[in-house]
PDB file of N, CA and C in Angstrom:
ATOM      1  N   MET A   1       0.804  -1.250  -0.170  1.00  0.00           N
ATOM      2  CA  MET A   1       0.077  -0.010  -0.046  1.00  0.00           C
ATOM      3  C   MET A   1       0.902   1.240  -0.087  1.00  0.00           C
ATOM      4  N   LEU A   2       2.036   1.415   0.804  1.00  0.00           N
ATOM      5  CA  LEU A   2       2.594   2.545   0.949  1.00  0.00           C
ATOM      6  C   LEU A   2       3.550   2.710  -0.294  1.00  0.00           C
ATOM      7  N   GLU A   3       4.059   1.692  -0.805  1.00  0.00           N
ATOM      8  CA  GLU A   3       4.876   1.699  -1.862  1.00  0.00           C
ATOM      9  C   GLU A   3       3.917   2.282  -3.266  1.00  0.00           C
ATOM     10  N   ARG A   4       2.693   1.981  -3.098  1.00  0.00           N
ATOM     11  CA  ARG A   4       1.802   2.593  -4.374  1.00  0.00           C
ATOM     12  C   ARG A   4       1.888   4.003  -4.303  1.00  0.00           C
ATOM     13  N   LYS A   5       1.596   4.367  -3.039  1.00  0.00           N
ATOM     14  CA  LYS A   5       1.200   5.900  -2.870  1.00  0.00           C
ATOM     15  C   LYS A   5       2.365   6.631  -2.842  1.00  0.00           C
ATOM     16  N   PHE A   6       3.560   6.210  -2.884  1.00  0.00           N
ATOM     17  CA  PHE A   6       4.726   7.055  -2.985  1.00  0.00           C
ATOM     18  C   PHE A   6       5.391   6.855  -4.300  1.00  0.00           C
ATOM     19  N   GLU A   7       4.910   5.777  -4.967  1.00  0.00           N
ATOM     20  CA  GLU A   7       5.722   5.394  -6.061  1.00  0.00           C
ATOM     21  C   GLU A   7       5.589   6.598  -7.490  1.00  0.00           C
ATOM     22  N   ILE A   8       4.623   7.353  -7.224  1.00  0.00           N
ATOM     23  CA  ILE A   8       4.295   8.350  -8.257  1.00  0.00           C
ATOM     24  C   ILE A   8       5.264   9.692  -8.113  1.00  0.00           C
ATOM     25  N   PHE A   9       6.060   9.429  -7.125  1.00  0.00           N
ATOM     26  CA  PHE A   9       7.313  10.799  -6.953  1.00  0.00           C
ATOM     27  C   PHE A   9       8.660  10.023  -7.383  1.00  0.00           C
ATOM     28  N   ASP A  10       9.526  10.965  -7.627  1.00  0.00           N
ATOM     29  CA  ASP A  10      10.764  10.397  -8.095  1.00  0.00           C
ATOM     30  C   ASP A  10      11.461   9.405  -6.924  1.00  0.00           C
ATOM     31  N   PRO A  11      12.316   8.743  -7.160  1.00  0.00           N
ATOM     32  CA  PRO A  11      12.896   7.893  -6.226  1.00  0.00           C
ATOM     33  C   PRO A  11      13.501   8.370  -4.912  1.00  0.00           C
ATOM     34  N   ALA A  12      14.107   9.659  -5.224  1.00  0.00           N
ATOM     35  CA  ALA A  12      14.667  10.419  -4.034  1.00  0.00           C
ATOM     36  C   ALA A  12      13.537  11.174  -3.079  1.00  0.00           C
ATOM     37  N   THR A  13      12.580  11.617  -3.649  1.00  0.00           N
ATOM     38  CA  THR A  13      11.469  12.172  -2.917  1.00  0.00           C
ATOM     39  C   THR A  13      10.773  10.994  -2.176  1.00  0.00           C
ATOM     40  N   ALA A  14      10.425   9.732  -3.020  1.00  0.00           N
ATOM     41  CA  ALA A  14       9.757   8.556  -2.145  1.00  0.00           C
ATOM     42  C   ALA A  14      10.511   7.999  -1.263  1.00  0.00           C
ATOM     43  N   GLU A  15      12.040   8.099  -1.087  1.00  0.00           N
ATOM     44  CA  GLU A  15      12.603   7.845  -0.079  1.00  0.00           C
ATOM     45  C   GLU A  15      12.511   8.638   1.243  1.00  0.00           C
ATOM     46  N   LEU A  16      12.556   9.996   0.898  1.00  0.00           N
ATOM     47  CA  LEU A  16      12.344  10.960   1.828  1.00  0.00           C
ATOM     48  C   LEU A  16      10.831  10.734   2.589  1.00  0.00           C
ATOM     49  N   MET A  17       9.910  10.668   1.503  1.00  0.00           N
ATOM     50  CA  MET A  17       8.594  10.389   2.329  1.00  0.00           C
ATOM     51  C   MET A  17       8.866   9.066   3.109  1.00  0.00           C
ATOM     52  N   ARG A  18       9.264   8.045   2.567  1.00  0.00           N
ATOM     53  CA  ARG A  18       9.211   6.857   3.472  1.00  0.00           C
ATOM     54  C   ARG A  18       9.924   6.839   4.797  1.00  0.00           C
ATOM     55  N   ALA A  19      10.861   7.665   4.829  1.00  0.00           N
ATOM     56  CA  ALA A  19      11.814   7.702   5.898  1.00  0.00           C
ATOM     57  C   ALA A  19      10.838   8.759   6.923  1.00  0.00           C
ATOM     58  N   ALA A  20      10.296   9.912   6.476  1.00  0.00           N
ATOM     59  CA  ALA A  20       9.390  10.752   7.435  1.00  0.00           C
ATOM     60  C   ALA A  20       8.223   9.947   7.942  1.00  0.00           C
ATOM     61  N   TYR A  21       7.499   9.067   7.049  1.00  0.00           N
ATOM     62  CA  TYR A  21       6.490   8.138   7.615  1.00  0.00           C
ATOM     63  C   TYR A  21       6.876   7.285   8.499  1.00  0.00           C
ATOM     64  N   HIS A  22       8.058   6.526   8.219  1.00  0.00           N
ATOM     65  CA  HIS A  22       8.299   5.781   9.567  1.00  0.00           C
ATOM     66  C   HIS A  22       8.803   6.580  10.818  1.00  0.00           C
ATOM     67  N   ASP A  23       9.308   7.856  10.767  1.00  0.00           N
ATOM     68  CA  ASP A  23       9.431   8.453  11.637  1.00  0.00           C
ATOM     69  C   ASP A  23       8.278   9.037  12.615  1.00  0.00           C
ATOM     70  N   VAL A  24       7.368   9.239  11.852  1.00  0.00           N
ATOM     71  CA  VAL A  24       5.847   9.487  12.323  1.00  0.00           C
ATOM     72  C   VAL A  24       5.339   8.177  13.294  1.00  0.00           C
ATOM     73  N   CYS A  25       5.256   7.129  12.351  1.00  0.00           N
ATOM     74  CA  CYS A  25       4.837   5.690  12.915  1.00  0.00           C
ATOM     75  C   CYS A  25       5.592   5.420  14.183  1.00  0.00           C
ATOM     76  N   SER A  26       7.084   5.666  14.020  1.00  0.00           N
ATOM     77  CA  SER A  26       7.725   5.403  15.068  1.00  0.00           C
ATOM     78  C   SER A  26       7.352   6.183  16.635  1.00  0.00           C
ATOM     79  N   ALA A  27       7.230   7.518  16.219  1.00  0.00           N
ATOM     80  CA  ALA A  27       6.785   8.421  17.329  1.00  0.00           C
ATOM     81  C   ALA A  27       5.492   8.132  17.822  1.00  0.00           C
ATOM     82  N   LEU A  28       4.491   7.564  17.169  1.00  0.00           N
ATOM     83  CA  LEU A  28       3.042   7.143  17.465  1.00  0.00           C
ATOM     84  C   LEU A  28       3.246   5.818  18.382  1.00  0.00           C
ATOM     85  N   ARG A  29       4.398   5.070  17.907  1.00  0.00           N
ATOM     86  CA  ARG A  29       4.529   3.549  18.664  1.00  0.00           C
ATOM     87  C   ARG A  29       3.295   2.677  18.325  1.00  0.00           C
ATOM     88  N   ASP A  30       2.365   2.763  18.673  1.00  0.00           N
ATOM     89  CA  ASP A  30       0.917   1.999  18.318  1.00  0.00           C
ATOM     90  C   ASP A  30       0.255   2.419  17.258  1.00  0.00           C
ATOM     91  N   CYS A  31       0.491   2.154  15.946  1.00  0.00           N
ATOM     92  CA  CYS A  31      -0.247   2.825  14.879  1.00  0.00           C
ATOM     93  C   CYS A  31      -1.220   1.907  14.111  1.00  0.00           C
ATOM     94  N   ASN A  32      -2.272   2.148  14.063  1.00  0.00           N
ATOM     95  CA  ASN A  32      -3.212   1.196  13.508  1.00  0.00           C
ATOM     96  C   ASN A  32      -3.417   1.623  11.991  1.00  0.00           C
ATOM     97  N   ASP A  33      -3.855   0.632  11.116  1.00  0.00           N
ATOM     98  CA  ASP A  33      -3.919   0.830   9.345  1.00  0.00           C
ATOM     99  C   ASP A  33      -4.505   2.286   9.271  1.00  0.00           C
ATOM    100  N   GLN A  34      -5.490   2.758   9.743  1.00  0.00           N
ATOM    101  CA  GLN A  34      -6.247   3.967   9.541  1.00  0.00           C
ATOM    102  C   GLN A  34      -5.268   5.047   9.739  1.00  0.00           C
ATOM    103  N   GLU A  35      -4.723   4.977  11.177  1.00  0.00           N
ATOM    104  CA  GLU A  35      -3.615   6.023  11.265  1.00  0.00           C
ATOM    105  C   GLU A  35      -2.406   6.050  10.389  1.00  0.00           C
ATOM    106  N   ARG A  36      -2.031   4.936   9.889  1.00  0.00           N
ATOM    107  CA  ARG A  36      -0.913   4.619   8.743  1.00  0.00           C
ATOM    108  C   ARG A  36      -1.321   5.378   7.584  1.00  0.00           C
ATOM    109  N   GLU A  37      -2.688   5.224   7.011  1.00  0.00           N
ATOM    110  CA  GLU A  37      -3.096   5.854   5.993  1.00  0.00           C
ATOM    111  C   GLU A  37      -3.167   7.318   6.043  1.00  0.00           C
ATOM    112  N   ALA A  38      -3.678   7.715   7.066  1.00  0.00           N
ATOM    113  CA  ALA A  38      -3.791   9.188   7.350  1.00  0.00           C
ATOM    114  C   ALA A  38      -2.337   9.819   7.155  1.00  0.00           C
ATOM    115  N   VAL A  39      -1.168   9.031   8.156  1.00  0.00           N
ATOM    116  CA  VAL A  39       0.073   9.626   7.914  1.00  0.00           C
ATOM    117  C   VAL A  39       0.624   9.634   6.686  1.00  0.00           C
ATOM    118  N   ALA A  40       0.371   8.641   5.653  1.00  0.00           N
ATOM    119  CA  ALA A  40       0.687   8.759   4.327  1.00  0.00           C
ATOM    120  C   ALA A  40       0.190   9.810   3.568  1.00  0.00           C
ATOM    121  N   ASN A  41      -1.116   9.830   3.774  1.00  0.00           N
ATOM    122  CA  ASN A  41      -1.803  10.841   3.096  1.00  0.00           C
ATOM    123  C   ASN A  41      -1.340  12.355   3.350  1.00  0.00           C
ATOM    124  N   CYS A  42      -1.280  12.632   4.657  1.00  0.00           N
ATOM    125  CA  CYS A  42      -0.590  13.805   5.205  1.00  0.00           C
ATOM    126  C   CYS A  42       0.786  14.104   4.634  1.00  0.00           C
ATOM    127  N   ILE A  43       1.573  13.336   4.447  1.00  0.00           N
ATOM    128  CA  ILE A  43       2.930  13.554   3.840  1.00  0.00           C
ATOM    129  C   ILE A  43       2.820  13.821   2.372  1.00  0.00           C
ATOM    130  N   ILE A  44       1.985  12.948   1.744  1.00  0.00           N
ATOM    131  CA  ILE A  44       1.671  13.187   0.364  1.00  0.00           C
ATOM    132  C   ILE A  44       1.361  14.654   0.002  1.00  0.00           C
ATOM    133  N   GLU A  45       0.514  15.057   0.893  1.00  0.00           N
ATOM    134  CA  GLU A  45       0.101  16.561   0.882  1.00  0.00           C
ATOM    135  C   GLU A  45       1.062  17.657   0.805  1.00  0.00           C
ATOM    136  N   LEU A  46       1.883  17.316   2.131  1.00  0.00           N
ATOM    137  CA  LEU A  46       3.064  18.198   2.366  1.00  0.00           C
ATOM    138  C   LEU A  46       3.834  18.230   1.152  1.00  0.00           C
ATOM    139  N   VAL A  47       4.247  16.979   0.775  1.00  0.00           N
ATOM    140  CA  VAL A  47       5.526  17.082  -0.320  1.00  0.00           C
ATOM    141  C   VAL A  47       4.688  17.636  -1.628  1.00  0.00           C
ATOM    142  N   ARG A  48       3.220  17.500  -2.097  1.00  0.00           N
ATOM    143  CA  ARG A  48       2.887  18.145  -3.311  1.00  0.00           C
ATOM    144  C   ARG A  48       2.859  19.803  -2.895  1.00  0.00           C
ATOM    145  N   LYS A  49       2.793  20.071  -1.768  1.00  0.00           N
ATOM    146  CA  LYS A  49       2.907  21.509  -1.645  1.00  0.00           C
ATOM    147  C   LYS A  49       4.604  22.124  -1.447  1.00  0.00           C
ATOM    148  N   GLY A  50       5.174  21.305  -1.517  1.00  0.00           N
ATOM    149  CA  GLY A  50       6.840  21.505  -1.848  1.00  0.00           C
ATOM    150  C   GLY A  50       7.646  21.211  -0.634  1.00  0.00           C
ATOM    151  N   GLU A  51       7.147  20.564   0.416  1.00  0.00           N
ATOM    152  CA  GLU A  51       8.345  20.394   1.750  1.00  0.00           C
ATOM    153  C   GLU A  51       9.049  19.067   0.912  1.00  0.00           C
ATOM    154  N   ARG A  52      10.375  19.385   1.356  1.00  0.00           N
ATOM    155  CA  ARG A  52      11.048  18.240   1.092  1.00  0.00           C
ATOM    156  C   ARG A  52      12.242  17.898   2.126  1.00  0.00           C
ATOM    157  N   ASN A  53      11.972  18.285   3.444  1.00  0.00           N
ATOM    158  CA  ASN A  53      12.701  18.279   4.636  1.00  0.00           C
ATOM    159  C   ASN A  53      12.058  16.808   5.405  1.00  0.00           C
ATOM    160  N   ARG A  54      12.869  16.033   5.709  1.00  0.00           N
ATOM    161  CA  ARG A  54      12.387  14.821   6.499  1.00  0.00           C
ATOM    162  C   ARG A  54      11.777  15.100   7.742  1.00  0.00           C
ATOM    163  N   ARG A  55      12.647  15.865   8.663  1.00  0.00           N
ATOM    164  CA  ARG A  55      12.088  16.252   9.752  1.00  0.00           C
ATOM    165  C   ARG A  55      11.016  17.348   9.921  1.00  0.00           C
ATOM    166  N   SER A  56      10.690  18.172   8.920  1.00  0.00           N
ATOM    167  CA  SER A  56       9.820  19.050   8.823  1.00  0.00           C
ATOM    168  C   SER A  56       8.595  18.288   8.546  1.00  0.00           C
ATOM    169  N   LEU A  57       8.768  17.372   7.623  1.00  0.00           N
ATOM    170  CA  LEU A  57       7.653  16.332   7.005  1.00  0.00           C
ATOM    171  C   LEU A  57       6.884  15.529   8.196  1.00  0.00           C
ATOM    172  N   ALA A  58       8.073  15.122   9.074  1.00  0.00           N
ATOM    173  CA  ALA A  58       7.501  14.272  10.451  1.00  0.00           C
ATOM    174  C   ALA A  58       6.743  15.043  11.140  1.00  0.00           C
ATOM    175  N   GLN A  59       7.318  16.299  11.444  1.00  0.00           N
ATOM    176  CA  GLN A  59       6.740  17.234  12.510  1.00  0.00           C
ATOM    177  C   GLN A  59       5.452  17.933  12.232  1.00  0.00           C
ATOM    178  N   ALA A  60       5.450  18.070  10.960  1.00  0.00           N
ATOM    179  CA  ALA A  60       4.280  18.886  10.372  1.00  0.00           C
ATOM    180  C   ALA A  60       3.112  17.810  10.363  1.00  0.00           C
ATOM    181  N   ALA A  61       3.290  16.593  10.034  1.00  0.00           N
ATOM    182  CA  ALA A  61       2.354  15.310   9.829  1.00  0.00           C
ATOM    183  C   ALA A  61       1.747  15.369  11.338  1.00  0.00           C
ATOM    184  N   LEU A  62       2.581  15.193  12.317  1.00  0.00           N
ATOM    185  CA  LEU A  62       2.268  15.067  13.500  1.00  0.00           C
ATOM    186  C   LEU A  62       1.145  16.086  14.231  1.00  0.00           C
ATOM    187  N   ALA A  63       1.820  17.105  13.860  1.00  0.00           N
ATOM    188  CA  ALA A  63       1.144  18.401  14.312  1.00  0.00           C
ATOM    189  C   ALA A  63      -0.384  18.459  13.793  1.00  0.00           C
ATOM    190  N   ARG A  64      -0.341  18.169  12.611  1.00  0.00           N
ATOM    191  CA  ARG A  64      -1.855  18.238  11.809  1.00  0.00           C
ATOM    192  C   ARG A  64      -2.689  16.964  12.144  1.00  0.00           C
ATOM    193  N   LEU A  65      -2.209  15.862  12.350  1.00  0.00           N
ATOM    194  CA  LEU A  65      -2.928  14.634  12.961  1.00  0.00           C
ATOM    195  C   LEU A  65      -3.068  14.409  14.327  1.00  0.00           C
ATOM    196  N   TYR A  66      -2.480  15.053  14.967  1.00  0.00           N
ATOM    197  CA  TYR A  66      -2.423  14.840  16.630  1.00  0.00           C
ATOM    198  C   TYR A  66      -2.319  16.416  17.112  1.00  0.00           C
ATOM    199  N   PRO A  67      -2.728  17.191  16.865  1.00  0.00           N
ATOM    200  CA  PRO A  67      -2.470  18.572  17.379  1.00  0.00           C
ATOM    201  C   PRO A  67      -2.444  18.542  18.932  1.00  0.00           C
ATOM    202  N   ASP A  68      -3.261  18.077  19.676  1.00  0.00           N
ATOM    203  CA  ASP A  68      -3.301  18.192  20.967  1.00  0.00           C
ATOM    204  C   ASP A  68      -1.884  17.589  21.553  1.00  0.00           C
ATOM    205  N   LYS A  69      -1.167  16.594  20.845  1.00  0.00           N
ATOM    206  CA  LYS A  69      -0.033  16.130  21.468  1.00  0.00           C
ATOM    207  C   LYS A  69       1.143  16.649  20.903  1.00  0.00           C
ATOM    208  N   HIS A  70       1.046  17.084  19.561  1.00  0.00           N
ATOM    209  CA  HIS A  70       2.515  17.468  18.948  1.00  0.00           C
ATOM    210  C   HIS A  70       2.116  18.779  18.332  1.00  0.00           C
ATOM    211  N   GLY A  71       1.336  19.339  18.815  1.00  0.00           N
ATOM    212  CA  GLY A  71       0.975  20.733  17.788  1.00  0.00           C
ATOM    213  C   GLY A  71       1.877  22.031  18.337  1.00  0.00           C
TER     214      GLY A  71
END
């Protein structure tokens, strides 16, 4: 699933997205399928808007999806 979502981007960007995705899931510890889907979609949206920094992607995804804990 994740690979298909990120494969539309160039290889370097896809790798950056995968790394940010794993950073977010690690920060959340117990991440269910619905949360993983939301994380991937959020990262895709951020990349489409131009973000290309791994740490910024992860932090922005956490802040958007979990503003009470990471905002």
